[in-house]
PDB file of N, CA and C in Angstrom:
ATOM      1  N   THR A   1       9.217  -0.896   1.832  1.00  0.00           N
ATOM      2  CA  THR A   1       9.096  -0.275   3.114  1.00  0.00           C
ATOM      3  C   THR A   1      10.043   0.869   3.230  1.00  0.00           C
ATOM      4  N   SER A   2       9.638   1.878   4.091  1.00  0.00           N
ATOM      5  CA  SER A   2      10.546   2.944   4.253  1.00  0.00           C
ATOM      6  C   SER A   2      10.585   3.572   5.635  1.00  0.00           C
ATOM      7  N   LYS A   3      11.363   4.480   5.777  1.00  0.00           N
ATOM      8  CA  LYS A   3      11.597   5.098   7.179  1.00  0.00           C
ATOM      9  C   LYS A   3      10.208   5.729   7.545  1.00  0.00           C
ATOM     10  N   GLY A   4       9.950   5.527   8.839  1.00  0.00           N
ATOM     11  CA  GLY A   4       8.557   5.958   9.312  1.00  0.00           C
ATOM     12  C   GLY A   4       7.609   4.828   9.496  1.00  0.00           C
ATOM     13  N   VAL A   5       7.724   3.664   8.841  1.00  0.00           N
ATOM     14  CA  VAL A   5       6.756   2.667   8.990  1.00  0.00           C
ATOM     15  C   VAL A   5       6.973   1.961  10.418  1.00  0.00           C
ATOM     16  N   VAL A   6       5.865   1.831  11.076  1.00  0.00           N
ATOM     17  CA  VAL A   6       5.948   1.276  12.387  1.00  0.00           C
ATOM     18  C   VAL A   6       4.972   0.112  12.465  1.00  0.00           C
ATOM     19  N   ALA A   7       5.356  -0.942  13.008  1.00  0.00           N
ATOM     20  CA  ALA A   7       4.629  -2.168  13.246  1.00  0.00           C
ATOM     21  C   ALA A   7       3.953  -1.960  14.714  1.00  0.00           C
ATOM     22  N   VAL A   8       2.810  -2.227  14.725  1.00  0.00           N
ATOM     23  CA  VAL A   8       1.988  -2.024  15.983  1.00  0.00           C
ATOM     24  C   VAL A   8       0.966  -3.236  16.289  1.00  0.00           C
ATOM     25  N   ASP A   9       0.529  -3.232  17.492  1.00  0.00           N
ATOM     26  CA  ASP A   9      -0.617  -4.089  17.746  1.00  0.00           C
ATOM     27  C   ASP A   9      -1.977  -3.372  17.575  1.00  0.00           C
ATOM     28  N   PRO A  10      -2.659  -3.752  16.498  1.00  0.00           N
ATOM     29  CA  PRO A  10      -3.780  -2.878  16.098  1.00  0.00           C
ATOM     30  C   PRO A  10      -4.863  -2.910  17.183  1.00  0.00           C
ATOM     31  N   ALA A  11      -4.835  -3.651  18.187  1.00  0.00           N
ATOM     32  CA  ALA A  11      -5.825  -3.659  19.386  1.00  0.00           C
ATOM     33  C   ALA A  11      -5.369  -2.505  20.294  1.00  0.00           C
ATOM     34  N   VAL A  12      -4.097  -1.945  20.167  1.00  0.00           N
ATOM     35  CA  VAL A  12      -3.689  -0.938  21.039  1.00  0.00           C
ATOM     36  C   VAL A  12      -3.633   0.312  20.148  1.00  0.00           C
ATOM     37  N   ILE A  13      -2.992   0.339  19.067  1.00  0.00           N
ATOM     38  CA  ILE A  13      -2.740   1.584  18.195  1.00  0.00           C
ATOM     39  C   ILE A  13      -3.371   1.122  16.867  1.00  0.00           C
ATOM     40  N   PRO A  14      -4.395   1.788  16.422  1.00  0.00           N
ATOM     41  CA  PRO A  14      -5.091   1.466  15.189  1.00  0.00           C
ATOM     42  C   PRO A  14      -4.171   1.682  14.015  1.00  0.00           C
ATOM     43  N   LEU A  15      -4.184   0.795  12.951  1.00  0.00           N
ATOM     44  CA  LEU A  15      -3.400   1.051  11.714  1.00  0.00           C
ATOM     45  C   LEU A  15      -3.777   2.323  11.204  1.00  0.00           C
ATOM     46  N   GLY A  16      -2.870   3.179  10.598  1.00  0.00           N
ATOM     47  CA  GLY A  16      -3.056   4.359  10.056  1.00  0.00           C
ATOM     48  C   GLY A  16      -2.816   5.592  10.945  1.00  0.00           C
ATOM     49  N   THR A  17      -2.612   5.288  12.314  1.00  0.00           N
ATOM     50  CA  THR A  17      -2.259   6.296  13.144  1.00  0.00           C
ATOM     51  C   THR A  17      -0.844   6.839  13.005  1.00  0.00           C
ATOM     52  N   ARG A  18      -0.825   8.120  12.976  1.00  0.00           N
ATOM     53  CA  ARG A  18       0.426   8.842  12.892  1.00  0.00           C
ATOM     54  C   ARG A  18       1.034   9.066  14.318  1.00  0.00           C
ATOM     55  N   MET A  19       2.383   9.130  14.506  1.00  0.00           N
ATOM     56  CA  MET A  19       2.920   9.135  15.746  1.00  0.00           C
ATOM     57  C   MET A  19       4.324   9.824  15.735  1.00  0.00           C
ATOM     58  N   TYR A  20       4.787  10.323  16.883  1.00  0.00           N
ATOM     59  CA  TYR A  20       6.085  10.788  16.959  1.00  0.00           C
ATOM     60  C   TYR A  20       6.875   9.929  17.964  1.00  0.00           C
ATOM     61  N   VAL A  21       8.032   9.353  17.595  1.00  0.00           N
ATOM     62  CA  VAL A  21       8.753   8.555  18.441  1.00  0.00           C
ATOM     63  C   VAL A  21      10.097   9.244  18.666  1.00  0.00           C
ATOM     64  N   PRO A  22      10.435   9.673  19.957  1.00  0.00           N
ATOM     65  CA  PRO A  22      11.545  10.350  20.367  1.00  0.00           C
ATOM     66  C   PRO A  22      12.831   9.681  19.901  1.00  0.00           C
ATOM     67  N   GLY A  23      13.728  10.519  19.271  1.00  0.00           N
ATOM     68  CA  GLY A  23      14.936   9.739  18.758  1.00  0.00           C
ATOM     69  C   GLY A  23      14.827   9.139  17.337  1.00  0.00           C
ATOM     70  N   TYR A  24      13.722   8.937  16.832  1.00  0.00           N
ATOM     71  CA  TYR A  24      13.494   8.384  15.612  1.00  0.00           C
ATOM     72  C   TYR A  24      12.769   9.280  14.650  1.00  0.00           C
ATOM     73  N   GLY A  25      11.772   9.993  15.232  1.00  0.00           N
ATOM     74  CA  GLY A  25      11.060  11.012  14.343  1.00  0.00           C
ATOM     75  C   GLY A  25       9.515  10.602  14.073  1.00  0.00           C
ATOM     76  N   GLU A  26       8.929  11.012  13.023  1.00  0.00           N
ATOM     77  CA  GLU A  26       7.625  10.779  12.728  1.00  0.00           C
ATOM     78  C   GLU A  26       7.410   9.343  12.169  1.00  0.00           C
ATOM     79  N   GLY A  27       6.373   8.745  12.641  1.00  0.00           N
ATOM     80  CA  GLY A  27       6.049   7.423  12.221  1.00  0.00           C
ATOM     81  C   GLY A  27       4.575   7.301  11.881  1.00  0.00           C
ATOM     82  N   PHE A  28       4.254   6.088  11.193  1.00  0.00           N
ATOM     83  CA  PHE A  28       3.047   5.813  10.663  1.00  0.00           C
ATOM     84  C   PHE A  28       2.774   4.365  10.895  1.00  0.00           C
ATOM     85  N   ALA A  29       1.656   4.009  11.627  1.00  0.00           N
ATOM     86  CA  ALA A  29       1.297   2.658  12.002  1.00  0.00           C
ATOM     87  C   ALA A  29       0.804   1.976  10.807  1.00  0.00           C
ATOM     88  N   ALA A  30       1.586   1.080  10.071  1.00  0.00           N
ATOM     89  CA  ALA A  30       1.207   0.688   8.841  1.00  0.00           C
ATOM     90  C   ALA A  30       1.592  -0.893   8.630  1.00  0.00           C
ATOM     91  N   ASP A  31       1.838  -1.509   9.765  1.00  0.00           N
ATOM     92  CA  ASP A  31       2.260  -2.890   9.714  1.00  0.00           C
ATOM     93  C   ASP A  31       1.886  -3.556  11.043  1.00  0.00           C
ATOM     94  N   THR A  32       1.805  -4.877  11.009  1.00  0.00           N
ATOM     95  CA  THR A  32       1.640  -5.573  12.326  1.00  0.00           C
ATOM     96  C   THR A  32       2.708  -6.564  12.302  1.00  0.00           C
ATOM     97  N   GLY A  33       3.338  -6.838  13.400  1.00  0.00           N
ATOM     98  CA  GLY A  33       4.449  -7.829  13.454  1.00  0.00           C
ATOM     99  C   GLY A  33       4.025  -8.988  14.279  1.00  0.00           C
ATOM    100  N   SER A  34       4.418 -10.239  13.966  1.00  0.00           N
ATOM    101  CA  SER A  34       4.007 -11.421  14.696  1.00  0.00           C
ATOM    102  C   SER A  34       4.413 -11.314  16.080  1.00  0.00           C
ATOM    103  N   ALA A  35       5.484 -10.665  16.339  1.00  0.00           N
ATOM    104  CA  ALA A  35       6.047 -10.491  17.864  1.00  0.00           C
ATOM    105  C   ALA A  35       5.629  -9.291  18.473  1.00  0.00           C
ATOM    106  N   VAL A  36       4.877  -8.332  17.707  1.00  0.00           N
ATOM    107  CA  VAL A  36       4.423  -6.988  18.336  1.00  0.00           C
ATOM    108  C   VAL A  36       3.052  -7.289  19.002  1.00  0.00           C
ATOM    109  N   ARG A  37       3.243  -7.088  20.315  1.00  0.00           N
ATOM    110  CA  ARG A  37       2.022  -7.335  21.118  1.00  0.00           C
ATOM    111  C   ARG A  37       1.903  -6.210  22.183  1.00  0.00           C
ATOM    112  N   GLY A  38       0.757  -5.867  22.458  1.00  0.00           N
ATOM    113  CA  GLY A  38       0.365  -4.817  23.575  1.00  0.00           C
ATOM    114  C   GLY A  38       1.066  -3.642  23.204  1.00  0.00           C
ATOM    115  N   ARG A  39       1.799  -2.925  24.252  1.00  0.00           N
ATOM    116  CA  ARG A  39       2.251  -1.544  23.958  1.00  0.00           C
ATOM    117  C   ARG A  39       3.627  -1.520  23.321  1.00  0.00           C
ATOM    118  N   MET A  40       4.032  -2.553  22.785  1.00  0.00           N
ATOM    119  CA  MET A  40       5.367  -2.614  22.038  1.00  0.00           C
ATOM    120  C   MET A  40       5.172  -2.147  20.498  1.00  0.00           C
ATOM    121  N   ILE A  41       6.058  -1.478  19.968  1.00  0.00           N
ATOM    122  CA  ILE A  41       6.137  -1.145  18.539  1.00  0.00           C
ATOM    123  C   ILE A  41       7.484  -1.678  17.952  1.00  0.00           C
ATOM    124  N   ASP A  42       7.423  -1.742  16.698  1.00  0.00           N
ATOM    125  CA  ASP A  42       8.643  -2.079  15.965  1.00  0.00           C
ATOM    126  C   ASP A  42       8.944  -1.141  14.758  1.00  0.00           C
ATOM    127  N   LEU A  43      10.096  -0.357  14.800  1.00  0.00           N
ATOM    128  CA  LEU A  43      10.479   0.629  14.010  1.00  0.00           C
ATOM    129  C   LEU A  43      11.158  -0.020  12.688  1.00  0.00           C
ATOM    130  N   TRP A  44      10.987   0.710  11.500  1.00  0.00           N
ATOM    131  CA  TRP A  44      11.700   0.164  10.365  1.00  0.00           C
ATOM    132  C   TRP A  44      12.906   1.007  10.306  1.00  0.00           C
ATOM    133  N   PHE A  45      13.932   0.206   9.915  1.00  0.00           N
ATOM    134  CA  PHE A  45      15.332   0.748   9.615  1.00  0.00           C
ATOM    135  C   PHE A  45      15.880   0.327   8.353  1.00  0.00           C
ATOM    136  N   PRO A  46      16.671   1.017   7.664  1.00  0.00           N
ATOM    137  CA  PRO A  46      17.047   0.571   6.270  1.00  0.00           C
ATOM    138  C   PRO A  46      18.203  -0.432   6.268  1.00  0.00           C
ATOM    139  N   SER A  47      18.717  -0.698   7.487  1.00  0.00           N
ATOM    140  CA  SER A  47      19.735  -1.735   7.615  1.00  0.00           C
ATOM    141  C   SER A  47      19.718  -2.346   8.925  1.00  0.00           C
ATOM    142  N   CYS A  48      20.159  -3.743   8.968  1.00  0.00           N
ATOM    143  CA  CYS A  48      20.207  -4.374  10.284  1.00  0.00           C
ATOM    144  C   CYS A  48      21.173  -3.610  11.224  1.00  0.00           C
ATOM    145  N   ALA A  49      22.205  -3.079  10.720  1.00  0.00           N
ATOM    146  CA  ALA A  49      23.223  -2.383  11.643  1.00  0.00           C
ATOM    147  C   ALA A  49      22.559  -1.211  12.323  1.00  0.00           C
ATOM    148  N   GLU A  50      21.638  -0.479  11.470  1.00  0.00           N
ATOM    149  CA  GLU A  50      21.030   0.684  12.071  1.00  0.00           C
ATOM    150  C   GLU A  50      19.969   0.295  13.182  1.00  0.00           C
ATOM    151  N   ALA A  51      19.226  -0.880  12.941  1.00  0.00           N
ATOM    152  CA  ALA A  51      18.290  -1.367  13.923  1.00  0.00           C
ATOM    153  C   ALA A  51      18.959  -1.805  15.156  1.00  0.00           C
ATOM    154  N   MET A  52      20.216  -2.461  15.038  1.00  0.00           N
ATOM    155  CA  MET A  52      21.063  -2.922  16.088  1.00  0.00           C
ATOM    156  C   MET A  52      21.501  -1.691  16.848  1.00  0.00           C
ATOM    157  N   ALA A  53      21.854  -0.678  16.248  1.00  0.00           N
ATOM    158  CA  ALA A  53      22.305   0.513  16.739  1.00  0.00           C
ATOM    159  C   ALA A  53      21.377   1.208  17.740  1.00  0.00           C
ATOM    160  N   TRP A  54      20.029   1.160  17.219  1.00  0.00           N
ATOM    161  CA  TRP A  54      18.923   1.630  17.879  1.00  0.00           C
ATOM    162  C   TRP A  54      18.702   0.873  19.216  1.00  0.00           C
ATOM    163  N   GLY A  55      18.749  -0.479  18.950  1.00  0.00           N
ATOM    164  CA  GLY A  55      18.561  -1.383  20.068  1.00  0.00           C
ATOM    165  C   GLY A  55      17.110  -1.459  20.432  1.00  0.00           C
ATOM    166  N   ARG A  56      16.902  -1.821  21.676  1.00  0.00           N
ATOM    167  CA  ARG A  56      15.591  -1.884  22.334  1.00  0.00           C
ATOM    168  C   ARG A  56      15.411  -0.906  23.459  1.00  0.00           C
ATOM    169  N   LYS A  57      14.397  -0.011  23.208  1.00  0.00           N
ATOM    170  CA  LYS A  57      14.343   1.203  24.175  1.00  0.00           C
ATOM    171  C   LYS A  57      12.879   1.213  24.838  1.00  0.00           C
ATOM    172  N   SER A  58      12.781   1.907  25.818  1.00  0.00           N
ATOM    173  CA  SER A  58      11.386   2.300  26.310  1.00  0.00           C
ATOM    174  C   SER A  58      11.401   3.768  26.085  1.00  0.00           C
ATOM    175  N   VAL A  59      10.356   4.217  25.357  1.00  0.00           N
ATOM    176  CA  VAL A  59      10.099   5.644  25.059  1.00  0.00           C
ATOM    177  C   VAL A  59       8.659   5.826  25.158  1.00  0.00           C
ATOM    178  N   THR A  60       8.362   7.195  25.252  1.00  0.00           N
ATOM    179  CA  THR A  60       7.061   7.650  25.277  1.00  0.00           C
ATOM    180  C   THR A  60       6.685   8.196  23.961  1.00  0.00           C
ATOM    181  N   ILE A  61       5.815   7.645  23.137  1.00  0.00           N
ATOM    182  CA  ILE A  61       5.433   8.074  21.999  1.00  0.00           C
ATOM    183  C   ILE A  61       4.203   9.146  22.002  1.00  0.00           C
ATOM    184  N   THR A  62       4.080   9.967  20.963  1.00  0.00           N
ATOM    185  CA  THR A  62       2.920  10.828  20.928  1.00  0.00           C
ATOM    186  C   THR A  62       2.161  10.456  19.765  1.00  0.00           C
ATOM    187  N   LEU A  63       0.896  10.156  19.913  1.00  0.00           N
ATOM    188  CA  LEU A  63       0.070   9.823  18.862  1.00  0.00           C
ATOM    189  C   LEU A  63      -0.724  11.039  18.306  1.00  0.00           C
ATOM    190  N   HIS A  64      -0.904  11.203  17.021  1.00  0.00           N
ATOM    191  CA  HIS A  64      -1.540  12.286  16.314  1.00  0.00           C
ATOM    192  C   HIS A  64      -2.849  11.905  15.993  1.00  0.00           C
TER     193      HIS A  64
END
């Protein structure tokens, strides 16, 4: 897994969709997470520390 991989609910955002996440950058809907439901997404980070530093945020993403 690498930076840019985003877990989504495929009923809301189809797998394969490219997106821009403010503060994170470009992303690609390539995964589904067991806890990812509805309008929530889960971003990949290379370390737990980076994920914790990002935290939980409400952002407006742009789908391409």
